[in-house]
Amino acid sequence: MELEKRLRKLVKRYAVARKSYDDLEVRESRLTARLDQLSARYDSLMNHHDELLARHAEVLEEKQAFEEQYRTWVPPGHFYSPFASKEEIGNRAASMFDVNARPAAVDLREAEQIELFGTLADLAGELPFTAERTEKHRYFYENTAYSWSDAIILHTMLRHLRPKRMIEVGSGYSTAMTLDTADGWLPELELTCIEPYPQLLQSLFRPGDEEGVRVLDQAVQDVPLETYDRLEAGDVLFIDSTHVVKAGSDVNHLFFEVLPRLNDGVWVHVHDVFFPFEYPMDWLVEGRAWQEDYLLRAFLMYNRRFEVRWYQQFMWAHHRDLLESRIPELAGNSGGNIWLQKVAG
């Protein structure tokens, strides 16, 4: 009897042990599978690690090449850097942005500007454009590049001058305004657009525009100088450049090579020209180190061959009431256009 009890206990213990053994085998199988997964993951990570190391080496080489290509002699804000420090801008703000100052040796021809504005204002009574885009016109005022005042002056100036030819250096929304104006008032206008990045321009075109407009999708420095010889008295050279004066820049090319060879009587538009030939404070603070306004100011000093015909920001600073009373739409923004004319020497 005692032996039978002991055998039963042994059988139970064996069953328990067997179950434990089976459980251990299952766990071992799971652990082995998990280990295989981890091993595969480890191999994958090691491969990725090697790829990352290789990419890191490539990035370092690219970084070194970039730094070598675009390295600066001194950091921004240094007295040898074209980027002014915020402290320097703040210290000189009173004189830099004094709209009551008159630029030395630059004849602004204020009385003539007021007289011209009367003519432009008479033409502005028929402005057909709207703030938002419509099917009727390519141009609309609420764009980010060439809005309200700039466009209105361009429209009325073209109707006043009635040019036969116009060359645009830098195209986009101004082109849309020019084409809309030509449709209604200047059907014979020959328009040439020099625009190395023509995507915006092309997006504003209507069917048939590309056949009627000569588009040179190249840097202005690469356009033959003879191109400008076709401009005659009353024609327009429209400039909306990179605004940057640096070695080999479009601005240097335009001022040093193009403007001197223009025929007498040609009108020249330059965009983003502020008064008194200084860029807005927020532009300077954000690091927009443009220099075209300064070069233009120096160009106009004692210059008897290029006369100021219209200076939007100057007129806005000194005759805003007149501008808004005659053309209320000019209140949309203060603009940034200046118009010059080459005269006989």
C-alpha atoms as a PDB file:
ATOM      1  CA  MET A   1       0.000   0.000   0.000  1.00  0.00           C
ATOM      2  CA  GLU A   2       2.795   2.332   0.938  1.00  0.00           C
ATOM      3  CA  LEU A   3       4.633   1.427  -2.248  1.00  0.00           C
ATOM      4  CA  GLU A   4       1.576   2.220  -4.301  1.00  0.00           C
ATOM      5  CA  LYS A   5       1.327   5.700  -2.746  1.00  0.00           C
ATOM      6  CA  ARG A   6       4.950   6.362  -3.430  1.00  0.00           C
ATOM      7  CA  LEU A   7       4.524   5.277  -7.053  1.00  0.00           C
ATOM      8  CA  ARG A   8       1.556   7.612  -7.490  1.00  0.00           C
ATOM      9  CA  LYS A   9       3.565  10.504  -6.066  1.00  0.00           C
ATOM     10  CA  LEU A  10       6.408   9.697  -8.409  1.00  0.00           C
ATOM     11  CA  VAL A  11       4.029   9.567 -11.371  1.00  0.00           C
ATOM     12  CA  LYS A  12       2.598  12.985 -10.418  1.00  0.00           C
ATOM     13  CA  ARG A  13       6.059  14.429  -9.906  1.00  0.00           C
ATOM     14  CA  TYR A  14       7.091  13.003 -13.259  1.00  0.00           C
ATOM     15  CA  ALA A  15       4.053  14.561 -14.935  1.00  0.00           C
ATOM     16  CA  VAL A  16       4.861  17.921 -13.363  1.00  0.00           C
ATOM     17  CA  ALA A  17       8.510  17.597 -14.318  1.00  0.00           C
ATOM     18  CA  ARG A  18       7.549  16.578 -17.831  1.00  0.00           C
ATOM     19  CA  LYS A  19       5.267  19.576 -18.182  1.00  0.00           C
ATOM     20  CA  SER A  20       8.004  21.844 -16.885  1.00  0.00           C
ATOM     21  CA  TYR A  21      10.415  20.284 -19.344  1.00  0.00           C
ATOM     22  CA  ASP A  22       7.978  20.798 -22.206  1.00  0.00           C
ATOM     23  CA  ASP A  23       7.450  24.411 -21.100  1.00  0.00           C
ATOM     24  CA  LEU A  24      11.195  24.932 -21.014  1.00  0.00           C
ATOM     25  CA  GLU A  25      11.494  23.508 -24.517  1.00  0.00           C
ATOM     26  CA  VAL A  26       8.809  25.914 -25.741  1.00  0.00           C
ATOM     27  CA  ARG A  27      10.553  28.830 -24.034  1.00  0.00           C
ATOM     28  CA  GLU A  28      13.864  27.693 -25.448  1.00  0.00           C
ATOM     29  CA  SER A  29      12.347  27.568 -28.912  1.00  0.00           C
ATOM     30  CA  ARG A  30      10.904  31.047 -28.482  1.00  0.00           C
ATOM     31  CA  LEU A  31      14.147  32.403 -27.099  1.00  0.00           C
ATOM     32  CA  THR A  32      16.065  30.800 -29.937  1.00  0.00           C
ATOM     33  CA  ALA A  33      13.708  32.417 -32.461  1.00  0.00           C
ATOM     34  CA  ARG A  34      14.004  35.755 -30.661  1.00  0.00           C
ATOM     35  CA  LEU A  35      17.767  35.371 -30.590  1.00  0.00           C
ATOM     36  CA  ASP A  36      17.747  34.705 -34.316  1.00  0.00           C
ATOM     37  CA  GLN A  37      15.645  37.854 -34.828  1.00  0.00           C
ATOM     38  CA  LEU A  38      17.984  39.904 -32.676  1.00  0.00           C
ATOM     39  CA  SER A  39      20.958  38.481 -34.495  1.00  0.00           C
ATOM     40  CA  ALA A  40      19.425  39.396 -37.843  1.00  0.00           C
ATOM     41  CA  ARG A  41      18.555  42.843 -36.498  1.00  0.00           C
ATOM     42  CA  TYR A  42      22.111  43.235 -35.238  1.00  0.00           C
ATOM     43  CA  ASP A  43      23.493  42.294 -38.633  1.00  0.00           C
ATOM     44  CA  SER A  44      21.112  44.789 -40.267  1.00  0.00           C
ATOM     45  CA  LEU A  45      22.123  47.520 -37.825  1.00  0.00           C
ATOM     46  CA  MET A  46      25.785  46.804 -38.404  1.00  0.00           C
ATOM     47  CA  ASN A  47      25.237  47.078 -42.145  1.00  0.00           C
ATOM     48  CA  HIS A  48      23.322  50.319 -41.610  1.00  0.00           C
ATOM     49  CA  HIS A  49      26.075  51.481 -39.294  1.00  0.00           C
ATOM     50  CA  ASP A  50      28.612  50.896 -42.026  1.00  0.00           C
ATOM     51  CA  GLU A  51      26.388  52.780 -44.482  1.00  0.00           C
ATOM     52  CA  LEU A  52      26.048  55.659 -42.020  1.00  0.00           C
ATOM     53  CA  LEU A  53      29.795  55.775 -41.509  1.00  0.00           C
ATOM     54  CA  ALA A  54      30.294  55.909 -45.259  1.00  0.00           C
ATOM     55  CA  ARG A  55      27.614  58.608 -45.622  1.00  0.00           C
ATOM     56  CA  HIS A  56      29.136  60.539 -42.732  1.00  0.00           C
ATOM     57  CA  ALA A  57      32.451  60.538 -44.528  1.00  0.00           C
ATOM     58  CA  GLU A  58      30.728  61.771 -47.710  1.00  0.00           C
ATOM     59  CA  VAL A  59      28.917  64.523 -45.787  1.00  0.00           C
ATOM     60  CA  LEU A  60      32.179  65.650 -44.232  1.00  0.00           C
ATOM     61  CA  GLU A  61      33.726  65.866 -47.679  1.00  0.00           C
ATOM     62  CA  GLU A  62      30.702  67.792 -48.986  1.00  0.00           C
ATOM     63  CA  LYS A  63      30.837  70.107 -45.970  1.00  0.00           C
ATOM     64  CA  GLN A  64      34.508  70.775 -46.515  1.00  0.00           C
ATOM     65  CA  ALA A  65      33.919  71.416 -50.220  1.00  0.00           C
ATOM     66  CA  PHE A  66      30.997  73.746 -49.414  1.00  0.00           C
ATOM     67  CA  GLU A  67      33.012  75.644 -46.832  1.00  0.00           C
ATOM     68  CA  GLU A  68      35.879  75.944 -49.254  1.00  0.00           C
ATOM     69  CA  GLN A  69      33.605  77.214 -52.034  1.00  0.00           C
ATOM     70  CA  TYR A  70      31.565  79.610 -49.896  1.00  0.00           C
ATOM     71  CA  ARG A  71      33.956  80.405 -47.103  1.00  0.00           C
ATOM     72  CA  THR A  72      33.969  83.954 -45.828  1.00  0.00           C
ATOM     73  CA  TRP A  73      37.087  85.822 -44.937  1.00  0.00           C
ATOM     74  CA  VAL A  74      35.424  87.244 -41.837  1.00  0.00           C
ATOM     75  CA  PRO A  75      32.153  86.386 -40.046  1.00  0.00           C
ATOM     76  CA  PRO A  76      28.932  88.379 -40.656  1.00  0.00           C
ATOM     77  CA  GLY A  77      28.878  91.598 -38.670  1.00  0.00           C
ATOM     78  CA  HIS A  78      32.648  92.034 -38.847  1.00  0.00           C
ATOM     79  CA  PHE A  79      33.692  95.473 -40.082  1.00  0.00           C
ATOM     80  CA  TYR A  80      35.022  93.849 -43.257  1.00  0.00           C
ATOM     81  CA  SER A  81      31.787  91.898 -43.875  1.00  0.00           C
ATOM     82  CA  PRO A  82      29.006  93.148 -46.205  1.00  0.00           C
ATOM     83  CA  PHE A  83      26.531  91.961 -43.556  1.00  0.00           C
ATOM     84  CA  ALA A  84      25.981  94.771 -41.071  1.00  0.00           C
ATOM     85  CA  SER A  85      25.542  93.800 -37.435  1.00  0.00           C
ATOM     86  CA  LYS A  86      22.230  94.555 -35.728  1.00  0.00           C
ATOM     87  CA  GLU A  87      24.100  96.780 -33.295  1.00  0.00           C
ATOM     88  CA  GLU A  88      25.634  98.807 -36.100  1.00  0.00           C
ATOM     89  CA  ILE A  89      22.272  99.180 -37.849  1.00  0.00           C
ATOM     90  CA  GLY A  90      20.639 100.289 -34.615  1.00  0.00           C
ATOM     91  CA  ASN A  91      23.349 102.829 -33.855  1.00  0.00           C
ATOM     92  CA  ARG A  92      23.061 104.464 -37.281  1.00  0.00           C
ATOM     93  CA  ALA A  93      19.335 104.049 -37.902  1.00  0.00           C
ATOM     94  CA  ALA A  94      18.483 107.722 -37.388  1.00  0.00           C
ATOM     95  CA  SER A  95      20.687 108.864 -40.247  1.00  0.00           C
ATOM     96  CA  MET A  96      20.241 105.775 -42.441  1.00  0.00           C
ATOM     97  CA  PHE A  97      16.449 106.027 -42.581  1.00  0.00           C
ATOM     98  CA  ASP A  98      16.017 109.807 -42.490  1.00  0.00           C
ATOM     99  CA  VAL A  99      13.454 110.413 -45.231  1.00  0.00           C
ATOM    100  CA  ASN A 100      13.867 114.171 -44.853  1.00  0.00           C
ATOM    101  CA  ALA A 101      17.473 113.970 -45.989  1.00  0.00           C
ATOM    102  CA  ARG A 102      18.203 114.819 -49.609  1.00  0.00           C
ATOM    103  CA  PRO A 103      20.924 112.647 -51.185  1.00  0.00           C
ATOM    104  CA  ALA A 104      23.928 114.798 -51.973  1.00  0.00           C
ATOM    105  CA  ALA A 105      24.684 115.439 -55.658  1.00  0.00           C
ATOM    106  CA  VAL A 106      21.576 113.554 -56.857  1.00  0.00           C
ATOM    107  CA  ASP A 107      19.087 115.732 -58.726  1.00  0.00           C
ATOM    108  CA  LEU A 108      15.660 114.331 -57.887  1.00  0.00           C
ATOM    109  CA  ARG A 109      13.815 116.816 -60.131  1.00  0.00           C
ATOM    110  CA  GLU A 110      10.947 117.017 -57.687  1.00  0.00           C
ATOM    111  CA  ALA A 111       8.870 119.499 -59.666  1.00  0.00           C
ATOM    112  CA  GLU A 112       9.162 117.383 -62.813  1.00  0.00           C
ATOM    113  CA  GLN A 113       8.098 114.289 -60.863  1.00  0.00           C
ATOM    114  CA  ILE A 114       4.991 116.050 -59.600  1.00  0.00           C
ATOM    115  CA  GLU A 115       4.151 117.145 -63.132  1.00  0.00           C
ATOM    116  CA  LEU A 116       4.639 113.618 -64.490  1.00  0.00           C
ATOM    117  CA  PHE A 117       2.461 112.210 -61.733  1.00  0.00           C
ATOM    118  CA  GLY A 118      -0.400 114.383 -62.906  1.00  0.00           C
ATOM    119  CA  THR A 119      -0.181 112.713 -66.307  1.00  0.00           C
ATOM    120  CA  LEU A 120       0.021 109.228 -64.794  1.00  0.00           C
ATOM    121  CA  ALA A 121      -2.889 109.927 -62.463  1.00  0.00           C
ATOM    122  CA  ASP A 122      -5.080 110.932 -65.393  1.00  0.00           C
ATOM    123  CA  LEU A 123      -4.375 107.539 -66.974  1.00  0.00           C
ATOM    124  CA  ALA A 124      -5.016 105.656 -63.716  1.00  0.00           C
ATOM    125  CA  GLY A 125      -8.708 106.454 -63.844  1.00  0.00           C
ATOM    126  CA  GLU A 126      -9.165 103.429 -66.100  1.00  0.00           C
ATOM    127  CA  LEU A 127      -7.356 100.835 -63.949  1.00  0.00           C
ATOM    128  CA  PRO A 128      -9.045  97.505 -64.718  1.00  0.00           C
ATOM    129  CA  PHE A 129      -7.129  95.260 -62.305  1.00  0.00           C
ATOM    130  CA  THR A 130      -8.282  93.493 -59.134  1.00  0.00           C
ATOM    131  CA  ALA A 131      -6.697  92.418 -55.861  1.00  0.00           C
ATOM    132  CA  GLU A 132      -7.204  88.699 -56.430  1.00  0.00           C
ATOM    133  CA  ARG A 133      -6.616  86.600 -59.530  1.00  0.00           C
ATOM    134  CA  THR A 134      -9.389  86.481 -62.114  1.00  0.00           C
ATOM    135  CA  GLU A 135      -9.816  84.945 -65.533  1.00  0.00           C
ATOM    136  CA  LYS A 136      -9.903  88.378 -67.133  1.00  0.00           C
ATOM    137  CA  HIS A 137      -6.274  89.339 -66.505  1.00  0.00           C
ATOM    138  CA  ARG A 138      -2.921  87.700 -65.914  1.00  0.00           C
ATOM    139  CA  TYR A 139      -2.032  90.269 -63.283  1.00  0.00           C
ATOM    140  CA  PHE A 140      -3.523  90.768 -59.810  1.00  0.00           C
ATOM    141  CA  TYR A 141      -2.393  93.158 -57.079  1.00  0.00           C
ATOM    142  CA  GLU A 142      -2.116  90.765 -54.128  1.00  0.00           C
ATOM    143  CA  ASN A 143       1.067  88.997 -55.170  1.00  0.00           C
ATOM    144  CA  THR A 144       4.333  88.764 -53.260  1.00  0.00           C
ATOM    145  CA  ALA A 145       6.714  90.334 -55.756  1.00  0.00           C
ATOM    146  CA  TYR A 146       5.297  93.283 -57.715  1.00  0.00           C
ATOM    147  CA  SER A 147       2.131  94.620 -56.166  1.00  0.00           C
ATOM    148  CA  TRP A 148      -0.065  97.707 -56.008  1.00  0.00           C
ATOM    149  CA  SER A 149       2.066 100.857 -56.393  1.00  0.00           C
ATOM    150  CA  ASP A 150       4.801  99.315 -58.522  1.00  0.00           C
ATOM    151  CA  ALA A 151       2.286  97.777 -60.903  1.00  0.00           C
ATOM    152  CA  ILE A 152       0.094 100.876 -61.149  1.00  0.00           C
ATOM    153  CA  ILE A 153       3.067 103.085 -61.994  1.00  0.00           C
ATOM    154  CA  LEU A 154       4.284 100.517 -64.542  1.00  0.00           C
ATOM    155  CA  HIS A 155       0.854 100.355 -66.164  1.00  0.00           C
ATOM    156  CA  THR A 156       0.385 104.110 -66.393  1.00  0.00           C
ATOM    157  CA  MET A 157       3.996 104.726 -67.400  1.00  0.00           C
ATOM    158  CA  LEU A 158       3.730 102.294 -70.309  1.00  0.00           C
ATOM    159  CA  ARG A 159       0.538 103.943 -71.480  1.00  0.00           C
ATOM    160  CA  HIS A 160       2.195 107.343 -71.186  1.00  0.00           C
ATOM    161  CA  LEU A 161       5.448 106.389 -72.958  1.00  0.00           C
ATOM    162  CA  ARG A 162       3.888 104.010 -75.502  1.00  0.00           C
ATOM    163  CA  PRO A 163       7.214 102.219 -76.101  1.00  0.00           C
ATOM    164  CA  LYS A 164       7.780 100.124 -79.194  1.00  0.00           C
ATOM    165  CA  ARG A 165      10.164  97.803 -77.394  1.00  0.00           C
ATOM    166  CA  MET A 166      10.739  96.730 -73.822  1.00  0.00           C
ATOM    167  CA  ILE A 167      13.447  94.486 -72.386  1.00  0.00           C
ATOM    168  CA  GLU A 168      12.768  92.990 -68.973  1.00  0.00           C
ATOM    169  CA  VAL A 169      15.688  91.793 -66.860  1.00  0.00           C
ATOM    170  CA  GLY A 170      13.907  89.760 -64.214  1.00  0.00           C
ATOM    171  CA  SER A 171      10.375  88.711 -65.127  1.00  0.00           C
ATOM    172  CA  GLY A 172       7.218  87.519 -63.418  1.00  0.00           C
ATOM    173  CA  TYR A 173       4.267  89.529 -62.139  1.00  0.00           C
ATOM    174  CA  SER A 174       5.610  92.681 -63.784  1.00  0.00           C
ATOM    175  CA  THR A 175       5.471  90.795 -67.078  1.00  0.00           C
ATOM    176  CA  ALA A 176       1.857  89.875 -66.402  1.00  0.00           C
ATOM    177  CA  MET A 177       1.058  93.558 -65.909  1.00  0.00           C
ATOM    178  CA  THR A 178       2.991  94.506 -69.045  1.00  0.00           C
ATOM    179  CA  LEU A 179       1.180  91.923 -71.170  1.00  0.00           C
ATOM    180  CA  ASP A 180      -2.232  92.955 -69.840  1.00  0.00           C
ATOM    181  CA  THR A 181      -1.381  96.584 -70.561  1.00  0.00           C
ATOM    182  CA  ALA A 182      -0.170  95.690 -74.045  1.00  0.00           C
ATOM    183  CA  ASP A 183      -3.397  93.787 -74.742  1.00  0.00           C
ATOM    184  CA  GLY A 184      -5.473  96.870 -74.080  1.00  0.00           C
ATOM    185  CA  TRP A 185      -3.270  99.748 -75.141  1.00  0.00           C
ATOM    186  CA  LEU A 186       0.015  98.654 -76.774  1.00  0.00           C
ATOM    187  CA  PRO A 187      -0.718  95.847 -79.242  1.00  0.00           C
ATOM    188  CA  GLU A 188       2.534  96.432 -81.162  1.00  0.00           C
ATOM    189  CA  LEU A 189       4.842  96.242 -78.129  1.00  0.00           C
ATOM    190  CA  GLU A 190       7.863  93.968 -78.644  1.00  0.00           C
ATOM    191  CA  LEU A 191       8.662  92.378 -75.282  1.00  0.00           C
ATOM    192  CA  THR A 192      11.888  90.520 -74.466  1.00  0.00           C
ATOM    193  CA  CYS A 193      12.232  88.806 -71.084  1.00  0.00           C
ATOM    194  CA  ILE A 194      15.639  87.851 -69.709  1.00  0.00           C
ATOM    195  CA  GLU A 195      14.856  85.408 -66.909  1.00  0.00           C
ATOM    196  CA  PRO A 196      17.142  82.496 -65.929  1.00  0.00           C
ATOM    197  CA  TYR A 197      14.423  81.029 -63.689  1.00  0.00           C
ATOM    198  CA  PRO A 198      11.294  81.285 -65.867  1.00  0.00           C
ATOM    199  CA  GLN A 199       8.947  78.977 -63.929  1.00  0.00           C
ATOM    200  CA  LEU A 200       6.871  81.799 -62.399  1.00  0.00           C
ATOM    201  CA  LEU A 201       6.793  83.671 -65.688  1.00  0.00           C
ATOM    202  CA  GLN A 202       5.578  80.623 -67.568  1.00  0.00           C
ATOM    203  CA  SER A 203       2.884  79.960 -64.958  1.00  0.00           C
ATOM    204  CA  LEU A 204       1.443  83.427 -65.627  1.00  0.00           C
ATOM    205  CA  PHE A 205       1.444  83.094 -69.402  1.00  0.00           C
ATOM    206  CA  ARG A 206      -1.740  82.592 -71.360  1.00  0.00           C
ATOM    207  CA  PRO A 207      -1.940  80.467 -74.502  1.00  0.00           C
ATOM    208  CA  GLY A 208      -0.059  82.251 -77.253  1.00  0.00           C
ATOM    209  CA  ASP A 209       2.102  84.385 -74.957  1.00  0.00           C
ATOM    210  CA  GLU A 210       5.214  82.293 -75.481  1.00  0.00           C
ATOM    211  CA  GLU A 211       4.960  82.844 -79.218  1.00  0.00           C
ATOM    212  CA  GLY A 212       4.553  86.604 -78.786  1.00  0.00           C
ATOM    213  CA  VAL A 213       7.191  87.153 -76.103  1.00  0.00           C
ATOM    214  CA  ARG A 214      10.876  86.500 -76.590  1.00  0.00           C
ATOM    215  CA  VAL A 215      12.081  84.688 -73.460  1.00  0.00           C
ATOM    216  CA  LEU A 216      15.822  84.304 -72.858  1.00  0.00           C
ATOM    217  CA  ASP A 217      16.144  81.821 -70.002  1.00  0.00           C
ATOM    218  CA  GLN A 218      19.759  82.662 -69.238  1.00  0.00           C
ATOM    219  CA  ALA A 219      21.785  84.942 -67.010  1.00  0.00           C
ATOM    220  CA  VAL A 220      21.792  88.534 -68.199  1.00  0.00           C
ATOM    221  CA  GLN A 221      25.597  88.433 -68.235  1.00  0.00           C
ATOM    222  CA  ASP A 222      25.380  85.909 -71.087  1.00  0.00           C
ATOM    223  CA  VAL A 223      23.032  87.949 -73.268  1.00  0.00           C
ATOM    224  CA  PRO A 224      24.834  89.692 -76.163  1.00  0.00           C
ATOM    225  CA  LEU A 225      25.184  93.411 -75.490  1.00  0.00           C
ATOM    226  CA  GLU A 226      23.898  94.128 -78.983  1.00  0.00           C
ATOM    227  CA  THR A 227      20.469  93.055 -77.724  1.00  0.00           C
ATOM    228  CA  TYR A 228      20.055  96.437 -76.034  1.00  0.00           C
ATOM    229  CA  ASP A 229      21.018  98.440 -79.109  1.00  0.00           C
ATOM    230  CA  ARG A 230      17.501  97.992 -80.498  1.00  0.00           C
ATOM    231  CA  LEU A 231      16.042 100.093 -77.695  1.00  0.00           C
ATOM    232  CA  GLU A 232      15.314 103.587 -78.984  1.00  0.00           C
ATOM    233  CA  ALA A 233      14.073 106.825 -77.433  1.00  0.00           C
ATOM    234  CA  GLY A 234      10.885 106.114 -75.488  1.00  0.00           C
ATOM    235  CA  ASP A 235      11.605 102.396 -75.173  1.00  0.00           C
ATOM    236  CA  VAL A 236      12.045 100.755 -71.760  1.00  0.00           C
ATOM    237  CA  LEU A 237      14.759  98.723 -70.070  1.00  0.00           C
ATOM    238  CA  PHE A 238      13.075  97.161 -67.028  1.00  0.00           C
ATOM    239  CA  ILE A 239      15.477  95.937 -64.326  1.00  0.00           C
ATOM    240  CA  ASP A 240      14.480  93.732 -61.393  1.00  0.00           C
ATOM    241  CA  SER A 241      17.775  92.043 -60.623  1.00  0.00           C
ATOM    242  CA  THR A 242      19.304  90.031 -57.789  1.00  0.00           C
ATOM    243  CA  HIS A 243      20.142  93.409 -56.208  1.00  0.00           C
ATOM    244  CA  VAL A 244      23.541  92.056 -55.183  1.00  0.00           C
ATOM    245  CA  VAL A 245      26.805  93.790 -56.010  1.00  0.00           C
ATOM    246  CA  LYS A 246      29.545  91.165 -56.068  1.00  0.00           C
ATOM    247  CA  ALA A 247      32.189  89.771 -58.381  1.00  0.00           C
ATOM    248  CA  GLY A 248      30.550  88.778 -61.660  1.00  0.00           C
ATOM    249  CA  SER A 249      27.035  89.762 -60.589  1.00  0.00           C
ATOM    250  CA  ASP A 250      24.174  90.757 -62.845  1.00  0.00           C
ATOM    251  CA  VAL A 251      24.026  94.146 -61.132  1.00  0.00           C
ATOM    252  CA  ASN A 252      27.646  94.912 -61.982  1.00  0.00           C
ATOM    253  CA  HIS A 253      27.052  93.825 -65.561  1.00  0.00           C
ATOM    254  CA  LEU A 254      23.974  96.012 -65.954  1.00  0.00           C
ATOM    255  CA  PHE A 255      25.546  99.137 -64.485  1.00  0.00           C
ATOM    256  CA  PHE A 256      28.977  98.755 -66.045  1.00  0.00           C
ATOM    257  CA  GLU A 257      28.154  97.290 -69.457  1.00  0.00           C
ATOM    258  CA  VAL A 258      24.490  97.777 -70.331  1.00  0.00           C
ATOM    259  CA  LEU A 259      23.482 101.229 -69.074  1.00  0.00           C
ATOM    260  CA  PRO A 260      26.427 103.068 -70.691  1.00  0.00           C
ATOM    261  CA  ARG A 261      25.590 101.754 -74.170  1.00  0.00           C
ATOM    262  CA  LEU A 262      21.880 102.574 -74.149  1.00  0.00           C
ATOM    263  CA  ASN A 263      20.669 104.988 -76.779  1.00  0.00           C
ATOM    264  CA  ASP A 264      19.634 108.460 -75.687  1.00  0.00           C
ATOM    265  CA  GLY A 265      15.992 108.693 -74.698  1.00  0.00           C
ATOM    266  CA  VAL A 266      15.687 105.130 -73.355  1.00  0.00           C
ATOM    267  CA  TRP A 267      13.841 104.857 -70.036  1.00  0.00           C
ATOM    268  CA  VAL A 268      15.211 102.602 -67.281  1.00  0.00           C
ATOM    269  CA  HIS A 269      13.157 101.088 -64.460  1.00  0.00           C
ATOM    270  CA  VAL A 270      14.905  99.663 -61.387  1.00  0.00           C
ATOM    271  CA  HIS A 271      12.954  97.789 -58.715  1.00  0.00           C
ATOM    272  CA  ASP A 272      13.362  97.604 -54.928  1.00  0.00           C
ATOM    273  CA  VAL A 273      14.827 101.086 -54.667  1.00  0.00           C
ATOM    274  CA  PHE A 274      13.935 102.684 -51.353  1.00  0.00           C
ATOM    275  CA  PHE A 275      14.449 106.157 -49.919  1.00  0.00           C
ATOM    276  CA  PRO A 276      16.904 107.543 -49.086  1.00  0.00           C
ATOM    277  CA  PHE A 277      18.636 104.829 -51.147  1.00  0.00           C
ATOM    278  CA  GLU A 278      18.574 102.514 -48.114  1.00  0.00           C
ATOM    279  CA  TYR A 279      16.905  99.135 -47.641  1.00  0.00           C
ATOM    280  CA  PRO A 280      14.162  98.684 -45.009  1.00  0.00           C
ATOM    281  CA  MET A 281      15.275  98.039 -41.454  1.00  0.00           C
ATOM    282  CA  ASP A 282      13.618  94.603 -41.272  1.00  0.00           C
ATOM    283  CA  TRP A 283      15.393  93.507 -44.446  1.00  0.00           C
ATOM    284  CA  LEU A 284      18.769  94.500 -43.045  1.00  0.00           C
ATOM    285  CA  VAL A 285      18.107  92.872 -39.684  1.00  0.00           C
ATOM    286  CA  GLU A 286      17.121  89.579 -41.329  1.00  0.00           C
ATOM    287  CA  GLY A 287      20.481  89.551 -43.126  1.00  0.00           C
ATOM    288  CA  ARG A 288      19.376  90.640 -46.595  1.00  0.00           C
ATOM    289  CA  ALA A 289      22.685  92.217 -47.592  1.00  0.00           C
ATOM    290  CA  TRP A 290      21.683  93.776 -50.897  1.00  0.00           C
ATOM    291  CA  GLN A 291      23.754  96.620 -52.304  1.00  0.00           C
ATOM    292  CA  GLU A 292      22.118  97.746 -55.555  1.00  0.00           C
ATOM    293  CA  ASP A 293      20.555 100.856 -53.995  1.00  0.00           C
ATOM    294  CA  TYR A 294      23.971 102.083 -52.900  1.00  0.00           C
ATOM    295  CA  LEU A 295      25.493 101.522 -56.331  1.00  0.00           C
ATOM    296  CA  LEU A 296      22.541 103.276 -57.954  1.00  0.00           C
ATOM    297  CA  ARG A 297      22.959 106.262 -55.658  1.00  0.00           C
ATOM    298  CA  ALA A 298      26.644 106.531 -56.526  1.00  0.00           C
ATOM    299  CA  PHE A 299      25.770 106.105 -60.218  1.00  0.00           C
ATOM    300  CA  LEU A 300      23.360 109.050 -60.097  1.00  0.00           C
ATOM    301  CA  MET A 301      25.674 111.434 -58.258  1.00  0.00           C
ATOM    302  CA  TYR A 302      26.847 114.211 -60.607  1.00  0.00           C
ATOM    303  CA  ASN A 303      25.337 112.146 -63.443  1.00  0.00           C
ATOM    304  CA  ARG A 304      24.150 114.368 -66.296  1.00  0.00           C
ATOM    305  CA  ARG A 305      23.335 111.509 -68.669  1.00  0.00           C
ATOM    306  CA  PHE A 306      20.720 109.700 -66.582  1.00  0.00           C
ATOM    307  CA  GLU A 307      17.947 111.810 -65.112  1.00  0.00           C
ATOM    308  CA  VAL A 308      15.470 110.790 -62.427  1.00  0.00           C
ATOM    309  CA  ARG A 309      11.965 110.866 -63.861  1.00  0.00           C
ATOM    310  CA  TRP A 310      10.055 109.083 -61.085  1.00  0.00           C
ATOM    311  CA  TYR A 311      11.163 107.905 -57.637  1.00  0.00           C
ATOM    312  CA  GLN A 312       8.251 106.161 -55.973  1.00  0.00           C
ATOM    313  CA  GLN A 313       9.598 105.988 -52.422  1.00  0.00           C
ATOM    314  CA  PHE A 314      10.729 109.611 -52.485  1.00  0.00           C
ATOM    315  CA  MET A 315       7.332 110.744 -53.691  1.00  0.00           C
ATOM    316  CA  TRP A 316       5.643 108.524 -51.107  1.00  0.00           C
ATOM    317  CA  ALA A 317       7.726 110.066 -48.319  1.00  0.00           C
ATOM    318  CA  HIS A 318       7.204 113.686 -49.399  1.00  0.00           C
ATOM    319  CA  HIS A 319       3.934 113.757 -51.355  1.00  0.00           C
ATOM    320  CA  ARG A 320       1.884 110.864 -50.019  1.00  0.00           C
ATOM    321  CA  ASP A 321      -1.311 112.906 -49.717  1.00  0.00           C
ATOM    322  CA  LEU A 322      -1.080 113.894 -53.369  1.00  0.00           C
ATOM    323  CA  LEU A 323      -0.455 110.321 -54.486  1.00  0.00           C
ATOM    324  CA  GLU A 324      -3.328 108.838 -52.491  1.00  0.00           C
ATOM    325  CA  SER A 325      -5.759 111.605 -53.413  1.00  0.00           C
ATOM    326  CA  ARG A 326      -5.223 111.142 -57.152  1.00  0.00           C
ATOM    327  CA  ILE A 327      -4.731 107.351 -57.198  1.00  0.00           C
ATOM    328  CA  PRO A 328      -6.254 105.793 -54.040  1.00  0.00           C
ATOM    329  CA  GLU A 329      -5.009 102.335 -55.031  1.00  0.00           C
ATOM    330  CA  LEU A 330      -1.443 103.479 -54.336  1.00  0.00           C
ATOM    331  CA  ALA A 331      -2.263 103.079 -50.643  1.00  0.00           C
ATOM    332  CA  GLY A 332      -1.976  99.323 -51.195  1.00  0.00           C
ATOM    333  CA  ASN A 333       1.764  99.602 -50.573  1.00  0.00           C
ATOM    334  CA  SER A 334       4.522 102.192 -50.773  1.00  0.00           C
ATOM    335  CA  GLY A 335       6.217 100.575 -53.765  1.00  0.00           C
ATOM    336  CA  GLY A 336       9.885 100.501 -54.668  1.00  0.00           C
ATOM    337  CA  ASN A 337      10.351 101.620 -58.274  1.00  0.00           C
ATOM    338  CA  ILE A 338      12.534 104.311 -59.762  1.00  0.00           C
ATOM    339  CA  TRP A 339      12.437 105.451 -63.380  1.00  0.00           C
ATOM    340  CA  LEU A 340      15.391 107.101 -65.116  1.00  0.00           C
ATOM    341  CA  GLN A 341      15.911 108.358 -68.649  1.00  0.00           C
ATOM    342  CA  LYS A 342      19.161 108.566 -70.543  1.00  0.00           C
ATOM    343  CA  VAL A 343      19.587 112.008 -72.086  1.00  0.00           C
ATOM    344  CA  ALA A 344      21.953 113.462 -74.646  1.00  0.00           C
ATOM    345  CA  GLY A 345      25.345 114.518 -73.328  1.00  0.00           C
END
